[in-house]
Amino acid sequence: MQRNSISIYVQGIGSVGRNFLSILADEGKLISERTGMDIVLGGATDRTGSVIFSKPVAPADLLKAKLSGNILSLGKEVTSREMTENEGGILVDMSSASRDGSRELQMYLSAMKNGMDIVTANKSPLANHWKQIMDNASAGRRMVLYEATVAGGVPLFSLLGGSCGPSTVNEFRGIVSLTANFVLKQMREGKTFMDAVAEAQKRGIAETNFRDDTDGLDGARKTVILANALFGKNMTLKDIKTSGVSESTDAKGMDRYRLIAEITRSGNEVHAFSGLRNLDDGDYLLSLGEMSLGYEVNTSRNGRLRIHSVSDGPGETAAAVMNDVMLLAKEKFQGKC
């Protein structure tokens, strides 16, 4: 009997993308059992270009081709727009964020117009164009899932949406920027800014272009997504003032400073903050380790919840991306989308 399958089209094969492919290779049988669908690679895009696979390509083969710099040998080279013309498929965006999200916006709109759903770990399009993306998804009866955009592998949107249905979120406080807080901690311990960044890159938590993270832009993007997704707002980056860490930061005396995201509801108003804050002794966020992401939420019916990881990185983020793909696969298997 022929098995049900769904094709995915991978955008970006960096650290998260490579971990995603490893998960698909190692856990393919488990994923199929839990979703009722075989997840099939339909195409991929990296810095060398875009390719549609004319015959099945195993995740391990795509990884091998990526490492050799030759993914285009696996199929037919296509334009980036042609990658979004695969009705019924899932566009999985793990590419590096553009500054204003415009590139990703056009890709998402084209994909949804052509009957594709979206799974993304890319923060910039949602932080800059949330309303347009979600309005188009609603109008076209398409789904956009984004679990991995904010807290790496720490369950957030799926957990609160699936387990806290009767509740309103009244407050969110979290450490959602691993790189900036890691660099600050290293500076408190005596390292220079650049030495701290180099250590973060060595551990695989800082990108080659690290400024978005250390300047606080990455945290601000995540704060916008949180405000829109959990508090029903339509914020953009223009609504958030932020701060970060740089060569000029004097880390002495900053033992209790963390770069945090904080969003509160007061009546009909929602206030959002992203940046460095001096936390009180005993603050839950101070208990998180240098490799941890975590948050606490105050809900109307489910009480105050605290969730964090012991360690987070590209592997955990990739697992969150895969979980979104699995959720969509289940929906499609059950005929809901």
Protein backbone atom coordinates (compact mmCIF):
# COMPACT_ATOMS: atom_id res chain seq x y z
CA MET A 1 0.00 0.00 0.00
CA GLN A 2 1.32 3.41 -0.97
CA ARG A 3 2.20 5.59 1.99
CA ASN A 4 1.04 9.19 2.37
CA SER A 5 3.83 11.70 1.90
CA ILE A 6 4.40 15.44 1.99
CA SER A 7 7.18 17.35 0.29
CA ILE A 8 9.20 19.99 2.08
CA TYR A 9 11.33 22.68 0.46
CA VAL A 10 14.24 23.71 2.65
CA GLN A 11 15.48 27.31 2.63
CA GLY A 12 18.90 27.58 4.27
CA ILE A 13 21.30 24.78 5.22
CA GLY A 14 23.38 26.48 7.88
CA SER A 15 23.79 25.23 11.44
CA VAL A 16 20.05 24.87 12.06
CA GLY A 17 19.39 23.45 8.59
CA ARG A 18 22.10 20.81 8.90
CA ASN A 19 20.76 19.74 12.29
CA PHE A 20 17.25 19.60 10.82
CA LEU A 21 18.43 17.26 8.06
CA SER A 22 20.22 15.09 10.63
CA ILE A 23 16.99 14.78 12.62
CA LEU A 24 15.08 13.83 9.48
CA ALA A 25 17.74 11.22 8.64
CA ASP A 26 17.94 9.74 12.14
CA GLU A 27 14.28 9.95 13.16
CA GLY A 28 12.49 9.48 9.84
CA LYS A 29 10.69 6.31 10.92
CA LEU A 30 9.52 7.86 14.20
CA ILE A 31 8.37 11.01 12.41
CA SER A 32 6.35 8.96 9.92
CA GLU A 33 4.75 6.89 12.68
CA ARG A 34 3.72 9.96 14.66
CA THR A 35 2.37 11.98 11.74
CA GLY A 36 1.02 9.31 9.39
CA MET A 37 3.10 10.91 6.63
CA ASP A 38 6.53 10.38 5.10
CA ILE A 39 8.42 13.70 5.04
CA VAL A 40 10.07 13.91 1.60
CA LEU A 41 12.68 16.43 0.49
CA GLY A 42 11.31 18.19 -2.58
CA GLY A 43 14.00 20.83 -2.98
CA ALA A 44 16.52 23.01 -1.22
CA THR A 45 18.17 26.42 -1.32
CA ASP A 46 21.58 27.46 -0.02
CA ARG A 47 24.06 30.20 -0.92
CA THR A 48 24.85 28.49 -4.24
CA GLY A 49 21.26 28.50 -5.51
CA SER A 50 17.98 26.58 -5.53
CA VAL A 51 17.30 23.06 -6.74
CA ILE A 52 14.16 20.95 -7.21
CA PHE A 53 14.79 17.23 -6.82
CA SER A 54 13.65 15.16 -9.79
CA LYS A 55 13.92 11.94 -7.78
CA PRO A 56 13.90 11.19 -4.02
CA VAL A 57 16.93 12.59 -2.20
CA ALA A 58 17.87 11.21 1.22
CA PRO A 59 18.65 13.78 3.94
CA ALA A 60 22.14 12.31 4.29
CA ASP A 61 22.77 12.83 0.57
CA LEU A 62 21.70 16.46 0.77
CA LEU A 63 23.98 16.95 3.77
CA LYS A 64 26.86 15.41 1.87
CA ALA A 65 26.20 17.63 -1.15
CA LYS A 66 26.01 20.69 1.09
CA LEU A 67 29.37 19.93 2.66
CA SER A 68 30.90 19.54 -0.81
CA GLY A 69 29.27 22.79 -1.98
CA ASN A 70 27.31 21.10 -4.75
CA ILE A 71 23.61 20.76 -3.90
CA LEU A 72 22.71 21.84 -7.45
CA SER A 73 23.99 18.47 -8.72
CA LEU A 74 21.04 16.73 -7.05
CA GLY A 75 18.33 17.98 -9.40
CA LYS A 76 17.11 20.83 -11.58
CA GLU A 77 18.39 24.31 -10.78
CA VAL A 78 15.48 26.74 -10.43
CA THR A 79 14.84 30.33 -9.47
CA SER A 80 13.92 31.23 -5.90
CA ARG A 81 10.41 32.01 -7.11
CA GLU A 82 10.02 28.55 -8.65
CA MET A 83 10.80 27.11 -5.22
CA THR A 84 7.51 28.61 -4.00
CA GLU A 85 5.41 27.06 -6.76
CA ASN A 86 4.88 23.64 -5.23
CA GLU A 87 1.22 23.30 -4.24
CA GLY A 88 0.59 21.18 -1.15
CA GLY A 89 4.17 21.38 0.03
CA ILE A 90 5.74 23.03 3.05
CA LEU A 91 8.29 25.82 2.73
CA VAL A 92 10.75 25.41 5.63
CA ASP A 93 12.71 28.62 6.15
CA MET A 94 15.92 28.30 8.14
CA SER A 95 17.81 30.93 6.16
CA SER A 96 19.73 33.86 7.61
CA ALA A 97 17.50 36.83 8.32
CA SER A 98 17.51 39.82 6.01
CA ARG A 99 17.60 43.19 7.72
CA ASP A 100 14.04 44.24 6.88
CA GLY A 101 12.40 40.89 6.09
CA SER A 102 11.34 42.00 2.61
CA ARG A 103 13.03 39.12 0.80
CA GLU A 104 11.32 36.56 3.01
CA LEU A 105 7.98 38.39 2.83
CA GLN A 106 7.84 38.07 -0.96
CA MET A 107 8.84 34.40 -0.72
CA TYR A 108 6.10 33.65 1.85
CA LEU A 109 3.38 35.52 -0.07
CA SER A 110 4.28 33.68 -3.28
CA ALA A 111 4.35 30.31 -1.50
CA MET A 112 0.97 30.82 0.15
CA LYS A 113 -0.55 32.07 -3.12
CA ASN A 114 0.60 28.81 -4.69
CA GLY A 115 -0.92 26.61 -1.97
CA MET A 116 2.09 26.07 0.28
CA ASP A 117 2.23 26.29 4.07
CA ILE A 118 5.12 27.87 5.96
CA VAL A 119 7.37 26.72 8.79
CA THR A 120 9.95 29.30 9.76
CA ALA A 121 12.81 29.84 12.18
CA ASN A 122 13.48 33.21 10.53
CA LYS A 123 12.49 36.11 12.78
CA SER A 124 12.84 39.08 10.45
CA PRO A 125 9.78 38.61 8.21
CA LEU A 126 7.45 38.13 11.17
CA ALA A 127 8.96 41.01 13.16
CA ASN A 128 8.71 43.40 10.20
CA HIS A 129 5.62 42.19 8.34
CA TRP A 130 3.50 40.24 10.83
CA LYS A 131 0.10 41.63 9.83
CA GLN A 132 0.59 41.21 6.09
CA ILE A 133 1.83 37.64 6.43
CA MET A 134 -0.91 36.57 8.83
CA ASP A 135 -3.66 38.33 6.88
CA ASN A 136 -2.57 36.53 3.71
CA ALA A 137 -2.40 33.21 5.54
CA SER A 138 -5.92 33.68 6.88
CA ALA A 139 -7.33 34.76 3.52
CA GLY A 140 -5.73 31.84 1.71
CA ARG A 141 -6.48 29.30 4.47
CA ARG A 142 -2.78 28.59 4.81
CA MET A 143 -0.77 27.92 7.97
CA VAL A 144 2.35 29.70 9.23
CA LEU A 145 4.13 28.05 12.17
CA TYR A 146 7.06 29.73 13.92
CA GLU A 147 7.89 27.88 17.15
CA ALA A 148 11.64 28.16 16.58
CA THR A 149 11.70 31.94 16.07
CA VAL A 150 11.82 32.96 19.75
CA ALA A 151 13.14 30.44 22.26
CA GLY A 152 15.12 27.88 20.29
CA GLY A 153 14.05 24.42 21.38
CA VAL A 154 12.10 25.58 24.44
CA PRO A 155 8.36 24.85 23.90
CA LEU A 156 6.51 28.15 23.79
CA PHE A 157 3.72 28.83 21.30
CA SER A 158 2.73 25.17 20.92
CA LEU A 159 2.75 24.70 24.70
CA LEU A 160 0.76 27.81 25.57
CA GLY A 161 -1.61 27.37 22.63
CA GLY A 162 -2.16 23.67 23.23
CA SER A 163 -2.25 23.53 27.03
CA CYS A 164 -3.47 26.94 28.18
CA GLY A 165 -6.59 27.34 26.07
CA PRO A 166 -8.78 28.98 28.73
CA SER A 167 -6.10 31.51 29.69
CA THR A 168 -5.07 34.98 28.66
CA VAL A 169 -1.36 35.76 28.89
CA ASN A 170 -0.97 38.88 31.03
CA GLU A 171 2.80 38.97 31.37
CA PHE A 172 5.80 37.46 29.62
CA ARG A 173 9.37 37.76 30.85
CA GLY A 174 12.17 35.79 29.28
CA ILE A 175 15.75 35.35 28.27
CA VAL A 176 15.37 34.65 24.57
CA SER A 177 18.71 35.97 23.28
CA LEU A 178 21.41 33.40 24.00
CA THR A 179 24.31 35.11 22.21
CA ALA A 180 24.02 38.54 23.84
CA ASN A 181 23.72 37.16 27.36
CA PHE A 182 26.56 34.68 26.83
CA VAL A 183 28.84 37.47 25.58
CA LEU A 184 27.91 39.70 28.52
CA LYS A 185 28.71 36.92 30.98
CA GLN A 186 32.08 36.31 29.35
CA MET A 187 32.84 40.04 29.58
CA ARG A 188 31.93 40.05 33.28
CA GLU A 189 34.53 37.33 33.71
CA GLY A 190 37.23 39.48 32.09
CA LYS A 191 37.13 38.73 28.36
CA THR A 192 37.09 41.51 25.78
CA PHE A 193 33.97 41.85 23.67
CA MET A 194 35.57 40.27 20.58
CA ASP A 195 37.10 37.43 22.59
CA ALA A 196 33.67 36.74 24.09
CA VAL A 197 32.11 36.72 20.62
CA ALA A 198 34.82 34.33 19.39
CA GLU A 199 34.03 31.97 22.26
CA ALA A 200 30.32 32.13 21.41
CA GLN A 201 31.11 31.30 17.79
CA LYS A 202 33.35 28.44 18.88
CA ARG A 203 30.45 26.96 20.84
CA GLY A 204 28.13 27.31 17.85
CA ILE A 205 25.75 29.87 19.36
CA ALA A 206 26.90 33.03 17.55
CA GLU A 207 26.69 33.51 13.81
CA THR A 208 29.47 34.87 11.63
CA ASN A 209 27.46 38.09 11.38
CA PHE A 210 26.85 38.46 15.12
CA ARG A 211 25.88 42.13 15.36
CA ASP A 212 22.12 41.57 15.11
CA ASP A 213 22.41 39.42 18.24
CA THR A 214 24.78 41.53 20.31
CA ASP A 215 23.23 44.90 19.36
CA GLY A 216 19.85 43.67 20.60
CA LEU A 217 18.09 43.53 17.21
CA ASP A 218 17.59 39.77 17.51
CA GLY A 219 15.97 40.21 20.93
CA ALA A 220 13.76 43.02 19.62
CA ARG A 221 12.55 40.86 16.74
CA LYS A 222 11.61 38.12 19.16
CA THR A 223 9.82 40.59 21.44
CA VAL A 224 7.68 41.81 18.53
CA ILE A 225 6.73 38.24 17.62
CA LEU A 226 5.82 37.52 21.25
CA ALA A 227 3.69 40.65 21.56
CA ASN A 228 1.82 39.83 18.37
CA ALA A 229 1.38 36.10 18.91
CA LEU A 230 0.60 36.04 22.66
CA PHE A 231 -0.98 39.45 23.20
CA GLY A 232 -2.85 39.94 19.92
CA LYS A 233 -0.94 43.03 18.82
CA ASN A 234 0.28 44.13 15.40
CA MET A 235 3.62 45.58 16.44
CA THR A 236 6.69 46.05 14.26
CA LEU A 237 10.30 46.77 15.15
CA LYS A 238 9.50 50.49 15.04
CA ASP A 239 7.45 50.02 18.22
CA ILE A 240 10.35 48.58 20.25
CA LYS A 241 13.26 50.40 21.85
CA THR A 242 16.17 48.11 22.50
CA SER A 243 19.72 47.93 23.82
CA GLY A 244 22.52 45.39 23.61
CA VAL A 245 26.18 44.65 24.25
CA SER A 246 29.18 46.09 22.39
CA GLU A 247 32.86 46.96 22.67
CA SER A 248 31.91 50.01 24.72
CA THR A 249 29.96 48.05 27.35
CA ASP A 250 31.54 48.24 30.80
CA ALA A 251 30.57 44.87 32.27
CA LYS A 252 31.96 45.62 35.72
CA GLY A 253 29.16 45.76 38.27
CA MET A 254 26.69 44.17 35.84
CA ASP A 255 26.36 40.84 37.64
CA ARG A 256 22.56 41.03 37.68
CA TYR A 257 22.10 42.51 34.20
CA ARG A 258 20.50 40.38 31.52
CA LEU A 259 19.15 41.14 28.06
CA ILE A 260 15.51 40.20 28.42
CA ALA A 261 12.16 40.40 26.65
CA GLU A 262 9.33 41.72 28.80
CA ILE A 263 5.73 42.26 27.76
CA THR A 264 2.89 43.22 30.08
CA ARG A 265 -0.82 43.79 29.68
CA SER A 266 -2.40 46.66 31.57
CA GLY A 267 -6.10 46.99 30.81
CA ASN A 268 -6.37 47.47 27.06
CA GLU A 269 -2.72 48.47 26.71
CA VAL A 270 0.28 46.25 26.05
CA HIS A 271 3.80 47.42 26.88
CA ALA A 272 6.85 45.72 25.34
CA PHE A 273 10.51 46.04 26.30
CA SER A 274 13.64 44.41 24.90
CA GLY A 275 17.07 45.19 26.30
CA LEU A 276 19.40 45.14 29.27
CA ARG A 277 17.75 45.18 32.67
CA ASN A 278 19.15 45.04 36.20
CA LEU A 279 17.24 42.17 37.80
CA ASP A 280 16.38 41.89 41.50
CA ASP A 281 18.02 39.26 43.68
CA GLY A 282 15.97 36.07 43.51
CA ASP A 283 14.59 36.82 40.05
CA TYR A 284 13.86 33.54 38.27
CA LEU A 285 15.69 34.68 35.15
CA LEU A 286 18.93 35.01 37.13
CA SER A 287 18.84 31.25 37.77
CA LEU A 288 19.22 30.42 34.07
CA GLY A 289 22.65 29.17 32.99
CA GLU A 290 24.85 30.73 30.33
CA MET A 291 23.60 28.27 27.69
CA SER A 292 19.95 28.43 28.76
CA LEU A 293 16.88 30.03 27.25
CA GLY A 294 13.72 30.35 29.30
CA TYR A 295 10.73 32.38 30.29
CA GLU A 296 7.97 32.87 32.80
CA VAL A 297 4.40 33.76 31.92
CA ASN A 298 1.60 34.93 34.13
CA THR A 299 -1.72 33.61 32.83
CA SER A 300 -5.29 34.32 33.87
CA ARG A 301 -6.29 30.67 34.47
CA ASN A 302 -3.17 28.49 34.40
CA GLY A 303 -1.20 30.50 36.93
CA ARG A 304 2.45 31.49 36.62
CA LEU A 305 4.49 29.10 34.50
CA ARG A 306 8.26 28.84 34.28
CA ILE A 307 9.94 26.95 31.44
CA HIS A 308 13.62 26.79 30.51
CA SER A 309 16.24 24.64 28.83
CA VAL A 310 19.46 23.53 30.47
CA SER A 311 21.29 24.11 27.21
CA ASP A 312 20.11 25.42 23.87
CA GLY A 313 21.65 25.71 20.43
CA PRO A 314 21.17 24.88 16.73
CA GLY A 315 20.23 21.27 17.45
CA GLU A 316 17.41 22.24 19.79
CA THR A 317 16.21 24.95 17.38
CA ALA A 318 16.16 22.39 14.57
CA ALA A 319 14.03 20.08 16.75
CA ALA A 320 11.50 22.91 17.19
CA VAL A 321 11.40 23.41 13.41
CA MET A 322 10.83 19.70 12.91
CA ASN A 323 8.02 19.69 15.45
CA ASP A 324 6.24 22.39 13.44
CA VAL A 325 6.70 20.34 10.26
CA MET A 326 5.22 17.35 12.07
CA LEU A 327 2.24 19.38 13.30
CA LEU A 328 1.52 20.46 9.73
CA ALA A 329 1.96 16.92 8.44
CA LYS A 330 -0.58 15.67 10.98
CA GLU A 331 -3.04 18.37 9.91
CA LYS A 332 -2.63 17.41 6.27
CA PHE A 333 -2.95 13.68 7.04
CA GLN A 334 -6.21 14.40 8.84
CA GLY A 335 -7.40 16.61 5.98
CA LYS A 336 -7.54 19.80 8.04
CA CYS A 337 -5.35 21.88 5.74
